[in-house]
Amino acid sequence: MGVKGAFTAKKLKNIREAFVGQQPSKLEMIKESYAALGQENPTKEALTRLHSCFHTLRGMSASFGLNTLSAIA
């Protein structure tokens, strides 16, 4: 692998690690959105937010080669 390829691989690794590091806060948003659906009068916004969280998690996971996580989401 040349210098350019090594640089690109390192950059992608850093981006992937940043993505993985953000997941605890994203999972907290999923928990909160799911809990909001269990309320007496759940809103369409709560359902939309939950869908958006899972949609983003699935797409970004696939982009970073985290295929198992993508399949689960």
PDB file of N, CA and C in Angstrom:
ATOM      1  N   MET A   1       0.859  -1.164   0.000  1.00  0.00           N
ATOM      2  CA  MET A   1       0.000   0.000   0.000  1.00  0.00           C
ATOM      3  C   MET A   1       0.905   1.227   0.000  1.00  0.00           C
ATOM      4  N   GLY A   2       0.604   2.162  -0.872  1.00  0.00           N
ATOM      5  CA  GLY A   2       1.394   3.375  -0.972  1.00  0.00           C
ATOM      6  C   GLY A   2       1.075   4.354   0.144  1.00  0.00           C
ATOM      7  N   VAL A   3       1.776   5.472   0.126  1.00  0.00           N
ATOM      8  CA  VAL A   3       1.578   6.503   1.149  1.00  0.00           C
ATOM      9  C   VAL A   3       0.142   7.018   1.133  1.00  0.00           C
ATOM     10  N   LYS A   4      -0.378   7.251  -0.058  1.00  0.00           N
ATOM     11  CA  LYS A   4      -1.745   7.760  -0.178  1.00  0.00           C
ATOM     12  C   LYS A   4      -2.751   6.740   0.358  1.00  0.00           C
ATOM     13  N   GLY A   5      -2.538   5.469   0.025  1.00  0.00           N
ATOM     14  CA  GLY A   5      -3.430   4.412   0.510  1.00  0.00           C
ATOM     15  C   GLY A   5      -3.374   4.262   2.017  1.00  0.00           C
ATOM     16  N   ALA A   6      -2.178   4.368   2.586  1.00  0.00           N
ATOM     17  CA  ALA A   6      -2.018   4.259   4.038  1.00  0.00           C
ATOM     18  C   ALA A   6      -2.712   5.438   4.733  1.00  0.00           C
ATOM     19  N   PHE A   7      -2.570   6.624   4.149  1.00  0.00           N
ATOM     20  CA  PHE A   7      -3.221   7.816   4.708  1.00  0.00           C
ATOM     21  C   PHE A   7      -4.734   7.648   4.687  1.00  0.00           C
ATOM     22  N   THR A   8      -5.249   7.175   3.571  1.00  0.00           N
ATOM     23  CA  THR A   8      -6.696   6.975   3.430  1.00  0.00           C
ATOM     24  C   THR A   8      -7.189   5.928   4.419  1.00  0.00           C
ATOM     25  N   ALA A   9      -6.452   4.836   4.560  1.00  0.00           N
ATOM     26  CA  ALA A   9      -6.850   3.780   5.495  1.00  0.00           C
ATOM     27  C   ALA A   9      -6.863   4.305   6.927  1.00  0.00           C
ATOM     28  N   LYS A  10      -5.869   5.107   7.287  1.00  0.00           N
ATOM     29  CA  LYS A  10      -5.811   5.672   8.647  1.00  0.00           C
ATOM     30  C   LYS A  10      -6.973   6.638   8.868  1.00  0.00           C
ATOM     31  N   LYS A  11      -7.257   7.447   7.870  1.00  0.00           N
ATOM     32  CA  LYS A  11      -8.358   8.409   7.963  1.00  0.00           C
ATOM     33  C   LYS A  11      -9.695   7.674   8.140  1.00  0.00           C
ATOM     34  N   LEU A  12      -9.914   6.629   7.347  1.00  0.00           N
ATOM     35  CA  LEU A  12     -11.147   5.845   7.465  1.00  0.00           C
ATOM     36  C   LEU A  12     -11.256   5.170   8.825  1.00  0.00           C
ATOM     37  N   LYS A  13     -10.129   4.681   9.332  1.00  0.00           N
ATOM     38  CA  LYS A  13     -10.115   4.049  10.649  1.00  0.00           C
ATOM     39  C   LYS A  13     -10.519   5.063  11.715  1.00  0.00           C
ATOM     40  N   ASN A  14      -9.982   6.278  11.625  1.00  0.00           N
ATOM     41  CA  ASN A  14     -10.327   7.320  12.591  1.00  0.00           C
ATOM     42  C   ASN A  14     -11.807   7.690  12.524  1.00  0.00           C
ATOM     43  N   ILE A  15     -12.340   7.781  11.316  1.00  0.00           N
ATOM     44  CA  ILE A  15     -13.758   8.113  11.147  1.00  0.00           C
ATOM     45  C   ILE A  15     -14.633   6.996  11.713  1.00  0.00           C
ATOM     46  N   ARG A  16     -14.244   5.758  11.441  1.00  0.00           N
ATOM     47  CA  ARG A  16     -15.011   4.614  11.950  1.00  0.00           C
ATOM     48  C   ARG A  16     -14.988   4.588  13.480  1.00  0.00           C
ATOM     49  N   GLU A  17     -13.829   4.852  14.066  1.00  0.00           N
ATOM     50  CA  GLU A  17     -13.719   4.876  15.524  1.00  0.00           C
ATOM     51  C   GLU A  17     -14.570   5.993  16.117  1.00  0.00           C
ATOM     52  N   ALA A  18     -14.608   7.138  15.460  1.00  0.00           N
ATOM     53  CA  ALA A  18     -15.450   8.246  15.923  1.00  0.00           C
ATOM     54  C   ALA A  18     -16.925   7.837  15.867  1.00  0.00           C
ATOM     55  N   PHE A  19     -17.321   7.166  14.786  1.00  0.00           N
ATOM     56  CA  PHE A  19     -18.697   6.697  14.648  1.00  0.00           C
ATOM     57  C   PHE A  19     -19.047   5.738  15.784  1.00  0.00           C
ATOM     58  N   VAL A  20     -18.174   4.777  16.039  1.00  0.00           N
ATOM     59  CA  VAL A  20     -18.421   3.801  17.105  1.00  0.00           C
ATOM     60  C   VAL A  20     -18.501   4.514  18.460  1.00  0.00           C
ATOM     61  N   GLY A  21     -17.653   5.501  18.669  1.00  0.00           N
ATOM     62  CA  GLY A  21     -17.656   6.243  19.920  1.00  0.00           C
ATOM     63  C   GLY A  21     -18.928   7.037  20.160  1.00  0.00           C
ATOM     64  N   GLN A  22     -19.621   7.394  19.098  1.00  0.00           N
ATOM     65  CA  GLN A  22     -20.865   8.166  19.221  1.00  0.00           C
ATOM     66  C   GLN A  22     -22.075   7.291  19.533  1.00  0.00           C
ATOM     67  N   GLN A  23     -21.931   5.996  19.411  1.00  0.00           N
ATOM     68  CA  GLN A  23     -23.098   5.128  19.522  1.00  0.00           C
ATOM     69  C   GLN A  23     -23.761   5.084  20.889  1.00  0.00           C
ATOM     70  N   PRO A  24     -23.025   5.196  22.000  1.00  0.00           N
ATOM     71  CA  PRO A  24     -23.751   5.206  23.289  1.00  0.00           C
ATOM     72  C   PRO A  24     -24.787   6.334  23.374  1.00  0.00           C
ATOM     73  N   SER A  25     -24.461   7.516  22.888  1.00  0.00           N
ATOM     74  CA  SER A  25     -25.439   8.608  22.936  1.00  0.00           C
ATOM     75  C   SER A  25     -26.575   8.359  21.946  1.00  0.00           C
ATOM     76  N   LYS A  26     -26.276   7.756  20.817  1.00  0.00           N
ATOM     77  CA  LYS A  26     -27.328   7.434  19.840  1.00  0.00           C
ATOM     78  C   LYS A  26     -28.270   6.373  20.410  1.00  0.00           C
ATOM     79  N   LEU A  27     -27.710   5.386  21.120  1.00  0.00           N
ATOM     80  CA  LEU A  27     -28.551   4.350  21.720  1.00  0.00           C
ATOM     81  C   LEU A  27     -29.424   4.931  22.826  1.00  0.00           C
ATOM     82  N   GLU A  28     -28.912   5.930  23.527  1.00  0.00           N
ATOM     83  CA  GLU A  28     -29.722   6.604  24.545  1.00  0.00           C
ATOM     84  C   GLU A  28     -30.912   7.303  23.882  1.00  0.00           C
ATOM     85  N   MET A  29     -30.689   7.926  22.729  1.00  0.00           N
ATOM     86  CA  MET A  29     -31.793   8.562  22.004  1.00  0.00           C
ATOM     87  C   MET A  29     -32.828   7.525  21.582  1.00  0.00           C
ATOM     88  N   ILE A  30     -32.374   6.347  21.163  1.00  0.00           N
ATOM     89  CA  ILE A  30     -33.297   5.275  20.785  1.00  0.00           C
ATOM     90  C   ILE A  30     -34.120   4.853  22.004  1.00  0.00           C
ATOM     91  N   LYS A  31     -33.471   4.682  23.152  1.00  0.00           N
ATOM     92  CA  LYS A  31     -34.196   4.302  24.371  1.00  0.00           C
ATOM     93  C   LYS A  31     -35.242   5.347  24.739  1.00  0.00           C
ATOM     94  N   GLU A  32     -34.861   6.619  24.674  1.00  0.00           N
ATOM     95  CA  GLU A  32     -35.793   7.693  25.017  1.00  0.00           C
ATOM     96  C   GLU A  32     -36.971   7.736  24.042  1.00  0.00           C
ATOM     97  N   SER A  33     -36.682   7.559  22.770  1.00  0.00           N
ATOM     98  CA  SER A  33     -37.753   7.579  21.765  1.00  0.00           C
ATOM     99  C   SER A  33     -38.693   6.396  21.954  1.00  0.00           C
ATOM    100  N   TYR A  34     -38.128   5.232  22.259  1.00  0.00           N
ATOM    101  CA  TYR A  34     -38.943   4.043  22.486  1.00  0.00           C
ATOM    102  C   TYR A  34     -39.815   4.227  23.729  1.00  0.00           C
ATOM    103  N   ALA A  35     -39.230   4.800  24.775  1.00  0.00           N
ATOM    104  CA  ALA A  35     -39.990   5.038  26.005  1.00  0.00           C
ATOM    105  C   ALA A  35     -41.136   6.019  25.746  1.00  0.00           C
ATOM    106  N   ALA A  36     -40.895   7.018  24.905  1.00  0.00           N
ATOM    107  CA  ALA A  36     -41.942   7.991  24.586  1.00  0.00           C
ATOM    108  C   ALA A  36     -43.122   7.318  23.894  1.00  0.00           C
ATOM    109  N   LEU A  37     -42.858   6.256  23.153  1.00  0.00           N
ATOM    110  CA  LEU A  37     -43.957   5.545  22.488  1.00  0.00           C
ATOM    111  C   LEU A  37     -44.812   4.786  23.486  1.00  0.00           C
ATOM    112  N   GLY A  38     -44.237   4.467  24.652  1.00  0.00           N
ATOM    113  CA  GLY A  38     -44.983   3.742  25.669  1.00  0.00           C
ATOM    114  C   GLY A  38     -45.849   4.640  26.537  1.00  0.00           C
ATOM    115  N   GLN A  39     -45.790   5.940  26.298  1.00  0.00           N
ATOM    116  CA  GLN A  39     -46.605   6.880  27.070  1.00  0.00           C
ATOM    117  C   GLN A  39     -48.076   6.708  26.697  1.00  0.00           C
ATOM    118  N   GLU A  40     -48.931   7.297  27.508  1.00  0.00           N
ATOM    119  CA  GLU A  40     -50.373   7.168  27.285  1.00  0.00           C
ATOM    120  C   GLU A  40     -50.795   7.702  25.920  1.00  0.00           C
ATOM    121  N   ASN A  41     -50.212   8.817  25.507  1.00  0.00           N
ATOM    122  CA  ASN A  41     -50.546   9.415  24.217  1.00  0.00           C
ATOM    123  C   ASN A  41     -49.273   9.618  23.386  1.00  0.00           C
ATOM    124  N   PRO A  42     -48.753   8.537  22.807  1.00  0.00           N
ATOM    125  CA  PRO A  42     -47.526   8.711  22.018  1.00  0.00           C
ATOM    126  C   PRO A  42     -47.786   9.605  20.805  1.00  0.00           C
ATOM    127  N   THR A  43     -46.775  10.364  20.440  1.00  0.00           N
ATOM    128  CA  THR A  43     -46.923  11.288  19.319  1.00  0.00           C
ATOM    129  C   THR A  43     -46.297  10.720  18.054  1.00  0.00           C
ATOM    130  N   LYS A  44     -46.730  11.271  16.956  1.00  0.00           N
ATOM    131  CA  LYS A  44     -46.151  10.886  15.667  1.00  0.00           C
ATOM    132  C   LYS A  44     -44.671  11.269  15.639  1.00  0.00           C
ATOM    133  N   GLU A  45     -44.321  12.372  16.298  1.00  0.00           N
ATOM    134  CA  GLU A  45     -42.931  12.821  16.344  1.00  0.00           C
ATOM    135  C   GLU A  45     -42.028  11.789  17.023  1.00  0.00           C
ATOM    136  N   ALA A  46     -42.549  11.155  18.093  1.00  0.00           N
ATOM    137  CA  ALA A  46     -41.765  10.134  18.794  1.00  0.00           C
ATOM    138  C   ALA A  46     -41.494   8.950  17.865  1.00  0.00           C
ATOM    139  N   LEU A  47     -42.497   8.529  17.118  1.00  0.00           N
ATOM    140  CA  LEU A  47     -42.325   7.431  16.177  1.00  0.00           C
ATOM    141  C   LEU A  47     -41.366   7.826  15.053  1.00  0.00           C
ATOM    142  N   THR A  48     -41.509   9.032  14.561  1.00  0.00           N
ATOM    143  CA  THR A  48     -40.625   9.524  13.498  1.00  0.00           C
ATOM    144  C   THR A  48     -39.185   9.586  13.982  1.00  0.00           C
ATOM    145  N   ARG A  49     -38.969  10.065  15.219  1.00  0.00           N
ATOM    146  CA  ARG A  49     -37.620  10.153  15.774  1.00  0.00           C
ATOM    147  C   ARG A  49     -37.017   8.763  15.932  1.00  0.00           C
ATOM    148  N   LEU A  50     -37.799   7.800  16.425  1.00  0.00           N
ATOM    149  CA  LEU A  50     -37.308   6.436  16.592  1.00  0.00           C
ATOM    150  C   LEU A  50     -36.929   5.836  15.233  1.00  0.00           C
ATOM    151  N   HIS A  51     -37.780   6.019  14.242  1.00  0.00           N
ATOM    152  CA  HIS A  51     -37.497   5.518  12.898  1.00  0.00           C
ATOM    153  C   HIS A  51     -36.226   6.150  12.354  1.00  0.00           C
ATOM    154  N   SER A  52     -36.078   7.435  12.534  1.00  0.00           N
ATOM    155  CA  SER A  52     -34.899   8.146  12.050  1.00  0.00           C
ATOM    156  C   SER A  52     -33.621   7.632  12.709  1.00  0.00           C
ATOM    157  N   CYS A  53     -33.686   7.393  14.010  1.00  0.00           N
ATOM    158  CA  CYS A  53     -32.515   6.871  14.726  1.00  0.00           C
ATOM    159  C   CYS A  53     -32.079   5.526  14.151  1.00  0.00           C
ATOM    160  N   PHE A  54     -33.042   4.621  13.969  1.00  0.00           N
ATOM    161  CA  PHE A  54     -32.705   3.303  13.439  1.00  0.00           C
ATOM    162  C   PHE A  54     -32.246   3.377  11.984  1.00  0.00           C
ATOM    163  N   HIS A  55     -32.889   4.225  11.209  1.00  0.00           N
ATOM    164  CA  HIS A  55     -32.525   4.378   9.805  1.00  0.00           C
ATOM    165  C   HIS A  55     -31.077   4.863   9.674  1.00  0.00           C
ATOM    166  N   THR A  56     -30.731   5.861  10.471  1.00  0.00           N
ATOM    167  CA  THR A  56     -29.374   6.402  10.444  1.00  0.00           C
ATOM    168  C   THR A  56     -28.376   5.366  10.934  1.00  0.00           C
ATOM    169  N   LEU A  57     -28.702   4.674  12.013  1.00  0.00           N
ATOM    170  CA  LEU A  57     -27.816   3.643  12.549  1.00  0.00           C
ATOM    171  C   LEU A  57     -27.567   2.550  11.513  1.00  0.00           C
ATOM    172  N   ARG A  58     -28.606   2.130  10.857  1.00  0.00           N
ATOM    173  CA  ARG A  58     -28.472   1.076   9.851  1.00  0.00           C
ATOM    174  C   ARG A  58     -27.604   1.529   8.678  1.00  0.00           C
ATOM    175  N   GLY A  59     -27.882   2.690   8.148  1.00  0.00           N
ATOM    176  CA  GLY A  59     -27.133   3.178   6.992  1.00  0.00           C
ATOM    177  C   GLY A  59     -25.680   3.459   7.300  1.00  0.00           C
ATOM    178  N   MET A  60     -25.417   4.140   8.415  1.00  0.00           N
ATOM    179  CA  MET A  60     -24.037   4.467   8.764  1.00  0.00           C
ATOM    180  C   MET A  60     -23.251   3.211   9.118  1.00  0.00           C
ATOM    181  N   SER A  61     -23.885   2.259   9.781  1.00  0.00           N
ATOM    182  CA  SER A  61     -23.204   1.003  10.112  1.00  0.00           C
ATOM    183  C   SER A  61     -22.772   0.282   8.841  1.00  0.00           C
ATOM    184  N   ALA A  62     -23.650   0.234   7.870  1.00  0.00           N
ATOM    185  CA  ALA A  62     -23.311  -0.409   6.603  1.00  0.00           C
ATOM    186  C   ALA A  62     -22.173   0.332   5.908  1.00  0.00           C
ATOM    187  N   SER A  63     -22.189   1.654   5.984  1.00  0.00           N
ATOM    188  CA  SER A  63     -21.135   2.451   5.350  1.00  0.00           C
ATOM    189  C   SER A  63     -19.761   2.155   5.930  1.00  0.00           C
ATOM    190  N   PHE A  64     -19.721   1.817   7.213  1.00  0.00           N
ATOM    191  CA  PHE A  64     -18.457   1.531   7.875  1.00  0.00           C
ATOM    192  C   PHE A  64     -18.139   0.050   7.959  1.00  0.00           C
ATOM    193  N   GLY A  65     -18.891  -0.764   7.247  1.00  0.00           N
ATOM    194  CA  GLY A  65     -18.604  -2.194   7.211  1.00  0.00           C
ATOM    195  C   GLY A  65     -19.046  -2.950   8.446  1.00  0.00           C
ATOM    196  N   LEU A  66     -19.905  -2.347   9.256  1.00  0.00           N
ATOM    197  CA  LEU A  66     -20.422  -3.003  10.443  1.00  0.00           C
ATOM    198  C   LEU A  66     -21.728  -3.703  10.061  1.00  0.00           C
ATOM    199  N   ASN A  67     -21.585  -4.740   9.261  1.00  0.00           N
ATOM    200  CA  ASN A  67     -22.735  -5.367   8.624  1.00  0.00           C
ATOM    201  C   ASN A  67     -23.699  -6.029   9.595  1.00  0.00           C
ATOM    202  N   THR A  68     -23.177  -6.607  10.675  1.00  0.00           N
ATOM    203  CA  THR A  68     -24.063  -7.253  11.653  1.00  0.00           C
ATOM    204  C   THR A  68     -24.940  -6.203  12.317  1.00  0.00           C
ATOM    205  N   LEU A  69     -24.339  -5.101  12.743  1.00  0.00           N
ATOM    206  CA  LEU A  69     -25.112  -4.027  13.363  1.00  0.00           C
ATOM    207  C   LEU A  69     -26.130  -3.471  12.373  1.00  0.00           C
ATOM    208  N   SER A  70     -25.724  -3.297  11.143  1.00  0.00           N
ATOM    209  CA  SER A  70     -26.631  -2.791  10.114  1.00  0.00           C
ATOM    210  C   SER A  70     -27.826  -3.722   9.924  1.00  0.00           C
ATOM    211  N   ALA A  71     -27.563  -5.015   9.911  1.00  0.00           N
ATOM    212  CA  ALA A  71     -28.647  -5.991   9.725  1.00  0.00           C
ATOM    213  C   ALA A  71     -29.612  -5.988  10.894  1.00  0.00           C
ATOM    214  N   ILE A  72     -29.092  -5.805  12.103  1.00  0.00           N
ATOM    215  CA  ILE A  72     -29.940  -5.797  13.294  1.00  0.00           C
ATOM    216  C   ILE A  72     -30.800  -4.537  13.328  1.00  0.00           C
ATOM    217  N   ALA A  73     -30.205  -3.403  12.944  1.00  0.00           N
ATOM    218  CA  ALA A  73     -30.941  -2.136  12.980  1.00  0.00           C
ATOM    219  C   ALA A  73     -31.976  -2.133  11.878  1.00  0.00           C
TER     220      ALA A  73
END
